[in-house]
Amino acid sequence: KYKMEKIKTIGDAYLCVSGLPDKKTHNPLNVIAAAIEIIETIRQFKNTFSKEKIFDIRIGIHTGPLVAGVVGDKKFAFDIWGDTVNTASRMEQNSEPNKINISRSTYDLVKDTYPCIYRGKKAAKNKGMIEMYFVDVKQPVIEIEMPLDKILEKN
């Protein structure tokens, strides 16, 4: 739906990428739209079920160059590496429950579409101080295509 590629899950983290190999200016917008939909879905589950049984989610987004390739000689896996991947991870680590934390490079690409709240410079492991922003999502910008009860019926 948002032209993104799941790379892998790492424990309870989910790593995805947009713009490989199709580098377009809309890629950060697609990632934020997907993040908003994920947060809205979590909110709907919490409203439908016992709040104690549903998890919260932190989302971190960074935009920049990276290295991508296939690893392995018996079992192949597509993976991504580089400072951009590390910075995206730091965005997630410095986020808050059910919020989307973005870097300055992502903010510069989405600020005309999504309102953001400047958080200042925050310390990030092995990165020093990084400018961070929360995407200001008081109301979902998009609507989920399928109502929650229909999603549950399929699963």
C-alpha atoms as a PDB file:
ATOM      1  CA  LYS A   1       0.000   0.000   0.000  1.00  0.00           C
ATOM      2  CA  TYR A   2       2.805   2.459   0.879  1.00  0.00           C
ATOM      3  CA  LYS A   3       5.490   0.991  -1.383  1.00  0.00           C
ATOM      4  CA  MET A   4       7.718  -0.097   1.504  1.00  0.00           C
ATOM      5  CA  GLU A   5       9.819  -3.215   1.954  1.00  0.00           C
ATOM      6  CA  LYS A   6      10.105  -5.155   5.207  1.00  0.00           C
ATOM      7  CA  ILE A   7      13.752  -5.936   5.818  1.00  0.00           C
ATOM      8  CA  LYS A   8      13.546  -7.927   9.043  1.00  0.00           C
ATOM      9  CA  THR A   9      12.278  -8.145  12.569  1.00  0.00           C
ATOM     10  CA  ILE A  10      14.810  -7.779  15.364  1.00  0.00           C
ATOM     11  CA  GLY A  11      13.276  -8.958  18.613  1.00  0.00           C
ATOM     12  CA  ASP A  12      10.187  -6.800  18.932  1.00  0.00           C
ATOM     13  CA  ALA A  13      11.474  -4.260  16.385  1.00  0.00           C
ATOM     14  CA  TYR A  14      10.420  -4.138  12.738  1.00  0.00           C
ATOM     15  CA  LEU A  15      12.811  -2.663  10.161  1.00  0.00           C
ATOM     16  CA  CYS A  16      11.484  -1.476   6.818  1.00  0.00           C
ATOM     17  CA  VAL A  17      12.666   0.778   4.026  1.00  0.00           C
ATOM     18  CA  SER A  18      11.128   2.924   1.333  1.00  0.00           C
ATOM     19  CA  GLY A  19      12.853   4.113  -1.800  1.00  0.00           C
ATOM     20  CA  LEU A  20      14.771   0.989  -2.771  1.00  0.00           C
ATOM     21  CA  PRO A  21      15.365   0.843  -5.635  1.00  0.00           C
ATOM     22  CA  ASP A  22      12.718   3.432  -6.558  1.00  0.00           C
ATOM     23  CA  LYS A  23      14.141   6.659  -5.096  1.00  0.00           C
ATOM     24  CA  LYS A  24      11.339   9.247  -5.151  1.00  0.00           C
ATOM     25  CA  THR A  25      10.583  12.352  -3.122  1.00  0.00           C
ATOM     26  CA  HIS A  26       7.299  10.861  -1.846  1.00  0.00           C
ATOM     27  CA  ASN A  27       9.028   8.029   0.039  1.00  0.00           C
ATOM     28  CA  PRO A  28       9.236   9.810   3.440  1.00  0.00           C
ATOM     29  CA  LEU A  29       5.590  10.821   3.058  1.00  0.00           C
ATOM     30  CA  ASN A  30       4.632   7.181   2.447  1.00  0.00           C
ATOM     31  CA  VAL A  31       6.557   6.045   5.526  1.00  0.00           C
ATOM     32  CA  ILE A  32       4.815   8.596   7.753  1.00  0.00           C
ATOM     33  CA  ALA A  33       1.410   7.676   6.307  1.00  0.00           C
ATOM     34  CA  ALA A  34       2.132   4.019   7.140  1.00  0.00           C
ATOM     35  CA  ALA A  35       3.312   4.979  10.639  1.00  0.00           C
ATOM     36  CA  ILE A  36       0.113   6.939  11.256  1.00  0.00           C
ATOM     37  CA  GLU A  37      -1.963   3.972  10.131  1.00  0.00           C
ATOM     38  CA  ILE A  38      -0.022   1.634  12.440  1.00  0.00           C
ATOM     39  CA  ILE A  39      -0.568   3.919  15.428  1.00  0.00           C
ATOM     40  CA  GLU A  40      -4.260   4.287  14.599  1.00  0.00           C
ATOM     41  CA  THR A  41      -4.611   0.505  14.344  1.00  0.00           C
ATOM     42  CA  ILE A  42      -3.000   0.062  17.775  1.00  0.00           C
ATOM     43  CA  ARG A  43      -5.402   2.708  19.143  1.00  0.00           C
ATOM     44  CA  GLN A  44      -8.386   0.866  17.666  1.00  0.00           C
ATOM     45  CA  PHE A  45      -7.245  -2.451  19.161  1.00  0.00           C
ATOM     46  CA  LYS A  46      -6.851  -0.786  22.568  1.00  0.00           C
ATOM     47  CA  ASN A  47     -10.361   0.635  22.355  1.00  0.00           C
ATOM     48  CA  THR A  48     -11.765  -2.753  21.343  1.00  0.00           C
ATOM     49  CA  PHE A  49      -9.895  -5.024  23.757  1.00  0.00           C
ATOM     50  CA  SER A  50      -8.490  -4.853  27.268  1.00  0.00           C
ATOM     51  CA  LYS A  51      -5.872  -2.090  27.316  1.00  0.00           C
ATOM     52  CA  GLU A  52      -3.473  -4.213  29.390  1.00  0.00           C
ATOM     53  CA  LYS A  53      -3.200  -6.844  26.650  1.00  0.00           C
ATOM     54  CA  ILE A  54      -2.347  -4.485  23.809  1.00  0.00           C
ATOM     55  CA  PHE A  55       1.155  -3.101  23.386  1.00  0.00           C
ATOM     56  CA  ASP A  56       2.284   0.429  22.626  1.00  0.00           C
ATOM     57  CA  ILE A  57       4.589   1.213  19.738  1.00  0.00           C
ATOM     58  CA  ARG A  58       7.435   3.683  19.194  1.00  0.00           C
ATOM     59  CA  ILE A  59       8.279   4.694  15.660  1.00  0.00           C
ATOM     60  CA  GLY A  60      11.504   6.287  14.449  1.00  0.00           C
ATOM     61  CA  ILE A  61      12.171   7.537  10.918  1.00  0.00           C
ATOM     62  CA  HIS A  62      15.337   8.872   9.302  1.00  0.00           C
ATOM     63  CA  THR A  63      16.044   9.649   5.655  1.00  0.00           C
ATOM     64  CA  GLY A  64      19.439   9.276   4.013  1.00  0.00           C
ATOM     65  CA  PRO A  65      21.827   7.118   1.995  1.00  0.00           C
ATOM     66  CA  LEU A  66      22.519   3.511   2.890  1.00  0.00           C
ATOM     67  CA  VAL A  67      24.093   0.339   1.607  1.00  0.00           C
ATOM     68  CA  ALA A  68      21.795  -2.492   0.554  1.00  0.00           C
ATOM     69  CA  GLY A  69      22.588  -5.988  -0.539  1.00  0.00           C
ATOM     70  CA  VAL A  70      22.145  -9.708  -0.212  1.00  0.00           C
ATOM     71  CA  VAL A  71      23.998 -11.562   2.532  1.00  0.00           C
ATOM     72  CA  GLY A  72      24.592 -15.277   2.931  1.00  0.00           C
ATOM     73  CA  ASP A  73      25.923 -18.111   0.828  1.00  0.00           C
ATOM     74  CA  LYS A  74      23.412 -20.863   1.727  1.00  0.00           C
ATOM     75  CA  LYS A  75      20.443 -18.869   2.990  1.00  0.00           C
ATOM     76  CA  PHE A  76      20.107 -15.482   1.348  1.00  0.00           C
ATOM     77  CA  ALA A  77      18.692 -12.362   3.002  1.00  0.00           C
ATOM     78  CA  PHE A  78      18.324  -8.825   1.749  1.00  0.00           C
ATOM     79  CA  ASP A  79      19.664  -6.364   4.322  1.00  0.00           C
ATOM     80  CA  ILE A  80      20.593  -2.696   4.742  1.00  0.00           C
ATOM     81  CA  TRP A  81      23.519  -1.064   6.571  1.00  0.00           C
ATOM     82  CA  GLY A  82      25.011   2.289   7.325  1.00  0.00           C
ATOM     83  CA  ASP A  83      24.665   5.443   9.338  1.00  0.00           C
ATOM     84  CA  THR A  84      21.126   6.046   8.071  1.00  0.00           C
ATOM     85  CA  VAL A  85      19.989   2.706   9.498  1.00  0.00           C
ATOM     86  CA  ASN A  86      21.696   3.445  12.831  1.00  0.00           C
ATOM     87  CA  THR A  87      20.153   6.911  13.006  1.00  0.00           C
ATOM     88  CA  ALA A  88      16.670   5.519  12.271  1.00  0.00           C
ATOM     89  CA  SER A  89      17.184   3.093  15.146  1.00  0.00           C
ATOM     90  CA  ARG A  90      18.144   5.995  17.435  1.00  0.00           C
ATOM     91  CA  MET A  91      14.984   7.834  16.354  1.00  0.00           C
ATOM     92  CA  GLU A  92      12.934   4.841  17.489  1.00  0.00           C
ATOM     93  CA  GLN A  93      14.853   4.509  20.769  1.00  0.00           C
ATOM     94  CA  ASN A  94      14.270   8.200  21.548  1.00  0.00           C
ATOM     95  CA  SER A  95      10.597   8.153  20.614  1.00  0.00           C
ATOM     96  CA  GLU A  96       7.709   7.845  23.057  1.00  0.00           C
ATOM     97  CA  PRO A  97       4.801   5.384  23.117  1.00  0.00           C
ATOM     98  CA  ASN A  98       2.514   5.797  20.104  1.00  0.00           C
ATOM     99  CA  LYS A  99       4.512   8.676  18.650  1.00  0.00           C
ATOM    100  CA  ILE A 100       6.483   9.130  15.448  1.00  0.00           C
ATOM    101  CA  ASN A 101       9.952  10.577  16.047  1.00  0.00           C
ATOM    102  CA  ILE A 102      11.744  11.878  12.952  1.00  0.00           C
ATOM    103  CA  SER A 103      15.169  13.301  12.231  1.00  0.00           C
ATOM    104  CA  ARG A 104      15.924  16.710  10.758  1.00  0.00           C
ATOM    105  CA  SER A 105      16.561  15.233   7.305  1.00  0.00           C
ATOM    106  CA  THR A 106      13.105  13.630   7.291  1.00  0.00           C
ATOM    107  CA  TYR A 107      11.483  16.758   8.749  1.00  0.00           C
ATOM    108  CA  ASP A 108      12.915  18.865   5.909  1.00  0.00           C
ATOM    109  CA  LEU A 109      11.183  16.564   3.391  1.00  0.00           C
ATOM    110  CA  VAL A 110       7.765  16.322   5.088  1.00  0.00           C
ATOM    111  CA  LYS A 111       7.250  19.624   6.929  1.00  0.00           C
ATOM    112  CA  ASP A 112       4.949  21.025   4.225  1.00  0.00           C
ATOM    113  CA  THR A 113       2.650  17.977   4.484  1.00  0.00           C
ATOM    114  CA  TYR A 114       2.779  16.913   8.132  1.00  0.00           C
ATOM    115  CA  PRO A 115       2.847  19.316  11.082  1.00  0.00           C
ATOM    116  CA  CYS A 116       5.710  18.531  13.450  1.00  0.00           C
ATOM    117  CA  ILE A 117       6.771  19.505  16.956  1.00  0.00           C
ATOM    118  CA  TYR A 118      10.430  20.353  17.436  1.00  0.00           C
ATOM    119  CA  ARG A 119      11.900  18.426  20.372  1.00  0.00           C
ATOM    120  CA  GLY A 120      15.330  20.027  20.343  1.00  0.00           C
ATOM    121  CA  LYS A 121      18.603  18.167  20.194  1.00  0.00           C
ATOM    122  CA  LYS A 122      18.576  14.844  22.020  1.00  0.00           C
ATOM    123  CA  ALA A 123      21.493  12.606  22.937  1.00  0.00           C
ATOM    124  CA  ALA A 124      21.601   9.457  20.832  1.00  0.00           C
ATOM    125  CA  LYS A 125      23.844   6.468  21.529  1.00  0.00           C
ATOM    126  CA  ASN A 126      27.061   6.666  19.473  1.00  0.00           C
ATOM    127  CA  LYS A 127      25.634   9.630  17.521  1.00  0.00           C
ATOM    128  CA  GLY A 128      25.925  12.633  19.827  1.00  0.00           C
ATOM    129  CA  MET A 129      23.175  15.236  19.789  1.00  0.00           C
ATOM    130  CA  ILE A 130      20.545  14.899  17.043  1.00  0.00           C
ATOM    131  CA  GLU A 131      17.681  17.255  16.184  1.00  0.00           C
ATOM    132  CA  MET A 132      14.386  15.434  16.596  1.00  0.00           C
ATOM    133  CA  TYR A 133      10.737  16.149  15.824  1.00  0.00           C
ATOM    134  CA  PHE A 134       7.464  14.434  16.643  1.00  0.00           C
ATOM    135  CA  VAL A 135       4.948  14.213  13.818  1.00  0.00           C
ATOM    136  CA  ASP A 136       1.934  16.017  15.293  1.00  0.00           C
ATOM    137  CA  VAL A 137      -0.869  13.555  14.718  1.00  0.00           C
ATOM    138  CA  LYS A 138      -3.848  14.610  16.809  1.00  0.00           C
ATOM    139  CA  GLN A 139      -6.252  13.086  14.320  1.00  0.00           C
ATOM    140  CA  PRO A 140      -5.372  10.369  11.825  1.00  0.00           C
ATOM    141  CA  VAL A 141      -4.600  11.888   8.432  1.00  0.00           C
ATOM    142  CA  ILE A 142      -5.715   8.766   6.608  1.00  0.00           C
ATOM    143  CA  GLU A 143      -8.500   6.288   7.112  1.00  0.00           C
ATOM    144  CA  ILE A 144      -7.849   2.598   7.419  1.00  0.00           C
ATOM    145  CA  GLU A 145      -9.300   0.905   4.338  1.00  0.00           C
ATOM    146  CA  MET A 146     -10.909  -1.934   6.290  1.00  0.00           C
ATOM    147  CA  PRO A 147     -12.843  -1.559   9.560  1.00  0.00           C
ATOM    148  CA  LEU A 148     -11.298  -3.250  12.599  1.00  0.00           C
ATOM    149  CA  ASP A 149     -14.036  -5.894  12.859  1.00  0.00           C
ATOM    150  CA  LYS A 150     -13.318  -6.997   9.273  1.00  0.00           C
ATOM    151  CA  ILE A 151      -9.566  -7.204  10.017  1.00  0.00           C
ATOM    152  CA  LEU A 152     -10.306  -9.431  13.006  1.00  0.00           C
ATOM    153  CA  GLU A 153     -12.607 -11.681  10.940  1.00  0.00           C
ATOM    154  CA  LYS A 154      -9.803 -12.297   8.434  1.00  0.00           C
ATOM    155  CA  ASN A 155      -7.330 -13.196  11.186  1.00  0.00           C
END
